[in-house]
Amino acid sequence: MRNSWLFALVLPFLPVRISTLRRLWRLPFKHGMGWFFATEVGPDFYQGAGAPLLRRYRHRLFAPFVLDAIAIVWVIASDKAFYLLLNNQTSEGQWEDHAHASCRQ
């Protein structure tokens, strides 16, 4: 697997992201079922007018996962994954020349 190091960087953060998702998923009910965040609501709010609002909120919680997945697929497909960690597009000699030139000024 050529990009196994990419998975080694991404996988440790996955449990943290999932834990955060679980906490944010339950956040609207933090004060109880009679509340939506910090707003008191009626007893049938989640079956009526609040259902689409809660659904939109929860769909937006998945946006970072979707963006991450798209970025990972793009990085692997473009074969530029290594350049994200080390911008190795210039040779070491050019870096040394640039460093010496900046010291001379």
N, C-alpha and C. Protein backbone atom coordinates (compact mmCIF):
# COMPACT_ATOMS: atom_id res chain seq x y z
N MET A 1 0.86 -1.18 0.00
CA MET A 1 0.00 0.00 0.00
C MET A 1 0.90 1.23 0.00
N ARG A 2 0.86 1.97 -1.06
CA ARG A 2 1.78 3.07 -1.26
C ARG A 2 1.51 4.25 -0.34
N ASN A 3 0.29 4.51 -0.01
CA ASN A 3 -0.08 5.65 0.83
C ASN A 3 -0.45 5.25 2.25
N SER A 4 0.17 4.20 2.75
CA SER A 4 -0.16 3.73 4.09
C SER A 4 0.19 4.76 5.15
N TRP A 5 1.20 5.58 4.92
CA TRP A 5 1.56 6.62 5.89
C TRP A 5 0.44 7.65 6.01
N LEU A 6 -0.31 7.87 4.93
CA LEU A 6 -1.43 8.82 4.99
C LEU A 6 -2.51 8.29 5.94
N PHE A 7 -2.78 7.00 5.83
CA PHE A 7 -3.75 6.40 6.74
C PHE A 7 -3.24 6.42 8.18
N ALA A 8 -1.94 6.27 8.35
CA ALA A 8 -1.35 6.32 9.69
C ALA A 8 -1.50 7.71 10.30
N LEU A 9 -1.58 8.74 9.48
CA LEU A 9 -1.79 10.09 9.99
C LEU A 9 -3.27 10.38 10.25
N VAL A 10 -4.14 9.82 9.45
CA VAL A 10 -5.57 10.12 9.54
C VAL A 10 -6.26 9.28 10.62
N LEU A 11 -5.94 8.01 10.70
CA LEU A 11 -6.66 7.10 11.59
C LEU A 11 -6.59 7.46 13.07
N PRO A 12 -5.47 7.98 13.60
CA PRO A 12 -5.48 8.34 15.03
C PRO A 12 -6.48 9.46 15.37
N PHE A 13 -6.80 10.29 14.41
CA PHE A 13 -7.72 11.39 14.68
C PHE A 13 -9.19 10.98 14.54
N LEU A 14 -9.44 9.84 13.93
CA LEU A 14 -10.81 9.40 13.70
C LEU A 14 -11.59 9.18 15.00
N PRO A 15 -11.04 8.53 16.02
CA PRO A 15 -11.81 8.39 17.28
C PRO A 15 -12.17 9.73 17.92
N VAL A 16 -11.28 10.69 17.81
CA VAL A 16 -11.57 12.02 18.37
C VAL A 16 -12.72 12.66 17.60
N ARG A 17 -12.67 12.55 16.28
CA ARG A 17 -13.74 13.13 15.46
C ARG A 17 -15.08 12.47 15.74
N ILE A 18 -15.08 11.15 15.90
CA ILE A 18 -16.33 10.44 16.17
C ILE A 18 -16.86 10.80 17.55
N SER A 19 -15.98 10.92 18.53
CA SER A 19 -16.40 11.33 19.88
C SER A 19 -17.02 12.73 19.85
N THR A 20 -16.40 13.63 19.12
CA THR A 20 -16.95 14.98 18.99
C THR A 20 -18.31 14.94 18.30
N LEU A 21 -18.44 14.12 17.28
CA LEU A 21 -19.73 13.99 16.58
C LEU A 21 -20.81 13.50 17.53
N ARG A 22 -20.49 12.53 18.37
CA ARG A 22 -21.48 12.01 19.31
C ARG A 22 -21.93 13.07 20.31
N ARG A 23 -20.96 13.87 20.81
CA ARG A 23 -21.32 14.94 21.76
C ARG A 23 -22.18 16.00 21.09
N LEU A 24 -21.81 16.40 19.88
CA LEU A 24 -22.59 17.43 19.18
C LEU A 24 -23.95 16.91 18.73
N TRP A 25 -24.05 15.60 18.48
CA TRP A 25 -25.32 14.99 18.08
C TRP A 25 -26.37 15.17 19.18
N ARG A 26 -25.95 15.04 20.42
CA ARG A 26 -26.88 15.15 21.55
C ARG A 26 -26.99 16.56 22.11
N LEU A 27 -26.22 17.49 21.61
CA LEU A 27 -26.18 18.85 22.14
C LEU A 27 -27.54 19.57 22.17
N PRO A 28 -28.38 19.43 21.15
CA PRO A 28 -29.68 20.12 21.24
C PRO A 28 -30.52 19.70 22.45
N PHE A 29 -30.27 18.52 23.00
CA PHE A 29 -31.05 18.02 24.14
C PHE A 29 -30.33 18.21 25.47
N LYS A 30 -29.33 19.07 25.50
CA LYS A 30 -28.50 19.24 26.69
C LYS A 30 -29.32 19.58 27.93
N HIS A 31 -30.34 20.41 27.78
CA HIS A 31 -31.17 20.84 28.91
C HIS A 31 -32.42 19.99 29.07
N GLY A 32 -32.57 18.97 28.25
CA GLY A 32 -33.74 18.09 28.34
C GLY A 32 -34.55 18.12 27.04
N MET A 33 -35.54 17.25 26.99
CA MET A 33 -36.35 17.13 25.78
C MET A 33 -37.27 18.32 25.56
N GLY A 34 -37.49 19.13 26.55
CA GLY A 34 -38.33 20.32 26.40
C GLY A 34 -37.55 21.53 25.91
N TRP A 35 -36.31 21.31 25.52
CA TRP A 35 -35.45 22.40 25.09
C TRP A 35 -34.79 22.05 23.76
N PHE A 36 -34.52 23.08 22.98
CA PHE A 36 -33.70 22.95 21.77
C PHE A 36 -32.55 23.93 21.96
N PHE A 37 -31.38 23.40 22.27
CA PHE A 37 -30.23 24.19 22.72
C PHE A 37 -30.66 24.97 23.97
N ALA A 38 -30.75 26.29 23.89
CA ALA A 38 -31.11 27.08 25.08
C ALA A 38 -32.50 27.68 24.96
N THR A 39 -33.31 27.15 24.05
CA THR A 39 -34.65 27.67 23.82
C THR A 39 -35.68 26.65 24.28
N GLU A 40 -36.58 27.07 25.14
CA GLU A 40 -37.63 26.18 25.59
C GLU A 40 -38.63 25.97 24.47
N VAL A 41 -39.00 24.70 24.26
CA VAL A 41 -39.92 24.36 23.16
C VAL A 41 -41.07 23.52 23.71
N GLY A 42 -42.08 23.38 22.89
CA GLY A 42 -43.25 22.61 23.28
C GLY A 42 -42.98 21.11 23.28
N PRO A 43 -43.92 20.34 23.84
CA PRO A 43 -43.71 18.90 23.98
C PRO A 43 -43.63 18.15 22.65
N ASP A 44 -44.30 18.63 21.60
CA ASP A 44 -44.27 17.92 20.31
C ASP A 44 -43.36 18.62 19.29
N PHE A 45 -42.43 19.40 19.77
CA PHE A 45 -41.55 20.18 18.89
C PHE A 45 -40.75 19.27 17.96
N TYR A 46 -40.20 18.18 18.48
CA TYR A 46 -39.34 17.30 17.68
C TYR A 46 -40.11 16.43 16.70
N GLN A 47 -41.42 16.31 16.88
CA GLN A 47 -42.23 15.57 15.93
C GLN A 47 -42.85 16.51 14.88
N GLY A 48 -42.88 17.80 15.19
CA GLY A 48 -43.50 18.77 14.28
C GLY A 48 -42.49 19.69 13.63
N ALA A 49 -42.55 20.95 14.01
CA ALA A 49 -41.74 21.99 13.37
C ALA A 49 -40.25 21.82 13.63
N GLY A 50 -39.87 21.18 14.72
CA GLY A 50 -38.45 21.03 15.05
C GLY A 50 -37.75 19.89 14.32
N ALA A 51 -38.52 18.97 13.74
CA ALA A 51 -37.91 17.81 13.08
C ALA A 51 -37.01 18.23 11.91
N PRO A 52 -37.48 19.10 11.01
CA PRO A 52 -36.58 19.50 9.91
C PRO A 52 -35.37 20.30 10.41
N LEU A 53 -35.57 21.09 11.44
CA LEU A 53 -34.47 21.87 12.00
C LEU A 53 -33.40 20.96 12.61
N LEU A 54 -33.84 19.97 13.36
CA LEU A 54 -32.92 19.01 13.96
C LEU A 54 -32.22 18.19 12.86
N ARG A 55 -32.94 17.82 11.83
CA ARG A 55 -32.37 17.05 10.73
C ARG A 55 -31.28 17.85 10.00
N ARG A 56 -31.54 19.14 9.73
CA ARG A 56 -30.54 20.00 9.07
C ARG A 56 -29.31 20.16 9.94
N TYR A 57 -29.52 20.34 11.24
CA TYR A 57 -28.39 20.47 12.17
C TYR A 57 -27.53 19.21 12.12
N ARG A 58 -28.15 18.06 12.16
CA ARG A 58 -27.39 16.80 12.17
C ARG A 58 -26.72 16.51 10.84
N HIS A 59 -27.35 16.91 9.75
CA HIS A 59 -26.70 16.74 8.44
C HIS A 59 -25.43 17.58 8.37
N ARG A 60 -25.48 18.75 8.93
CA ARG A 60 -24.30 19.64 8.89
C ARG A 60 -23.16 19.12 9.76
N LEU A 61 -23.45 18.28 10.72
CA LEU A 61 -22.40 17.68 11.53
C LEU A 61 -21.50 16.76 10.70
N PHE A 62 -22.04 16.22 9.62
CA PHE A 62 -21.27 15.31 8.77
C PHE A 62 -20.44 16.04 7.71
N ALA A 63 -20.61 17.34 7.56
CA ALA A 63 -19.88 18.09 6.54
C ALA A 63 -18.36 17.95 6.67
N PRO A 64 -17.78 18.06 7.86
CA PRO A 64 -16.32 17.89 7.95
C PRO A 64 -15.85 16.50 7.51
N PHE A 65 -16.63 15.45 7.80
CA PHE A 65 -16.25 14.11 7.38
C PHE A 65 -16.28 13.99 5.86
N VAL A 66 -17.29 14.57 5.24
CA VAL A 66 -17.40 14.53 3.79
C VAL A 66 -16.24 15.29 3.15
N LEU A 67 -15.94 16.48 3.67
CA LEU A 67 -14.82 17.26 3.13
C LEU A 67 -13.49 16.53 3.32
N ASP A 68 -13.30 15.91 4.48
CA ASP A 68 -12.08 15.14 4.71
C ASP A 68 -11.97 13.98 3.73
N ALA A 69 -13.06 13.28 3.52
CA ALA A 69 -13.04 12.13 2.60
C ALA A 69 -12.72 12.58 1.18
N ILE A 70 -13.30 13.69 0.75
CA ILE A 70 -13.02 14.21 -0.59
C ILE A 70 -11.55 14.61 -0.70
N ALA A 71 -11.03 15.26 0.32
CA ALA A 71 -9.63 15.69 0.29
C ALA A 71 -8.69 14.48 0.27
N ILE A 72 -8.99 13.46 1.05
CA ILE A 72 -8.13 12.27 1.09
C ILE A 72 -8.15 11.55 -0.26
N VAL A 73 -9.33 11.41 -0.85
CA VAL A 73 -9.42 10.77 -2.16
C VAL A 73 -8.66 11.58 -3.21
N TRP A 74 -8.80 12.90 -3.16
CA TRP A 74 -8.08 13.74 -4.11
C TRP A 74 -6.57 13.62 -3.94
N VAL A 75 -6.10 13.62 -2.70
CA VAL A 75 -4.66 13.52 -2.45
C VAL A 75 -4.11 12.19 -2.96
N ILE A 76 -4.83 11.11 -2.70
CA ILE A 76 -4.37 9.80 -3.16
C ILE A 76 -4.45 9.70 -4.68
N ALA A 77 -5.54 10.18 -5.26
CA ALA A 77 -5.71 10.08 -6.72
C ALA A 77 -4.72 10.96 -7.47
N SER A 78 -4.37 12.10 -6.94
CA SER A 78 -3.45 12.99 -7.63
C SER A 78 -1.99 12.61 -7.42
N ASP A 79 -1.75 11.65 -6.53
CA ASP A 79 -0.40 11.17 -6.24
C ASP A 79 0.50 12.29 -5.74
N LYS A 80 -0.09 13.25 -5.04
CA LYS A 80 0.66 14.37 -4.48
C LYS A 80 0.68 14.32 -2.95
N ALA A 81 0.37 13.19 -2.38
CA ALA A 81 0.24 13.09 -0.94
C ALA A 81 1.53 13.44 -0.21
N PHE A 82 2.65 13.04 -0.76
CA PHE A 82 3.91 13.30 -0.08
C PHE A 82 4.20 14.80 -0.01
N TYR A 83 3.75 15.56 -0.99
CA TYR A 83 4.03 17.00 -1.01
C TYR A 83 3.26 17.76 0.04
N LEU A 84 2.23 17.17 0.59
CA LEU A 84 1.51 17.84 1.66
C LEU A 84 2.32 17.87 2.94
N LEU A 85 3.11 16.83 3.16
CA LEU A 85 3.94 16.79 4.37
C LEU A 85 5.27 17.50 4.18
N LEU A 86 5.90 17.25 3.07
CA LEU A 86 7.20 17.85 2.79
C LEU A 86 7.15 18.48 1.41
N ASN A 87 7.26 19.75 1.37
CA ASN A 87 7.24 20.43 0.08
C ASN A 87 8.62 20.24 -0.55
N ASN A 88 8.77 19.12 -1.21
CA ASN A 88 10.05 18.71 -1.75
C ASN A 88 10.15 19.03 -3.25
N GLN A 89 9.53 20.09 -3.69
CA GLN A 89 9.53 20.42 -5.11
C GLN A 89 10.83 21.08 -5.54
N THR A 90 11.57 21.64 -4.61
CA THR A 90 12.86 22.22 -4.94
C THR A 90 13.95 21.33 -4.40
N SER A 91 15.09 21.37 -5.01
CA SER A 91 16.18 20.51 -4.54
C SER A 91 16.80 21.10 -3.29
N GLU A 92 17.54 20.28 -2.56
CA GLU A 92 18.17 20.75 -1.33
C GLU A 92 19.18 21.83 -1.62
N GLY A 93 19.84 21.73 -2.76
CA GLY A 93 20.83 22.74 -3.12
C GLY A 93 20.21 24.12 -3.25
N GLN A 94 19.03 24.19 -3.80
CA GLN A 94 18.35 25.48 -3.93
C GLN A 94 18.00 26.04 -2.56
N TRP A 95 17.61 25.16 -1.64
CA TRP A 95 17.30 25.63 -0.29
C TRP A 95 18.56 26.18 0.37
N GLU A 96 19.68 25.49 0.18
CA GLU A 96 20.94 25.95 0.77
C GLU A 96 21.37 27.27 0.17
N ASP A 97 21.25 27.39 -1.17
CA ASP A 97 21.61 28.65 -1.83
C ASP A 97 20.76 29.80 -1.31
N HIS A 98 19.46 29.53 -1.14
CA HIS A 98 18.55 30.57 -0.65
C HIS A 98 18.92 30.95 0.78
N ALA A 99 19.27 29.97 1.60
CA ALA A 99 19.63 30.24 2.99
C ALA A 99 20.90 31.07 3.07
N HIS A 100 21.89 30.76 2.23
CA HIS A 100 23.14 31.52 2.23
C HIS A 100 22.91 32.93 1.71
N ALA A 101 22.03 33.07 0.73
CA ALA A 101 21.75 34.40 0.18
C ALA A 101 21.06 35.27 1.22
N SER A 102 20.16 34.70 2.02
CA SER A 102 19.47 35.50 3.01
C SER A 102 20.40 35.89 4.16
N CYS A 103 21.43 35.04 4.43
CA CYS A 103 22.39 35.38 5.49
C CYS A 103 23.34 36.49 5.06
N ARG A 104 23.60 36.58 3.77
CA ARG A 104 24.52 37.58 3.27
C ARG A 104 23.91 38.99 3.27
N GLN A 105 22.62 39.08 3.33
CA GLN A 105 21.98 40.40 3.24
C GLN A 105 22.07 41.18 4.50
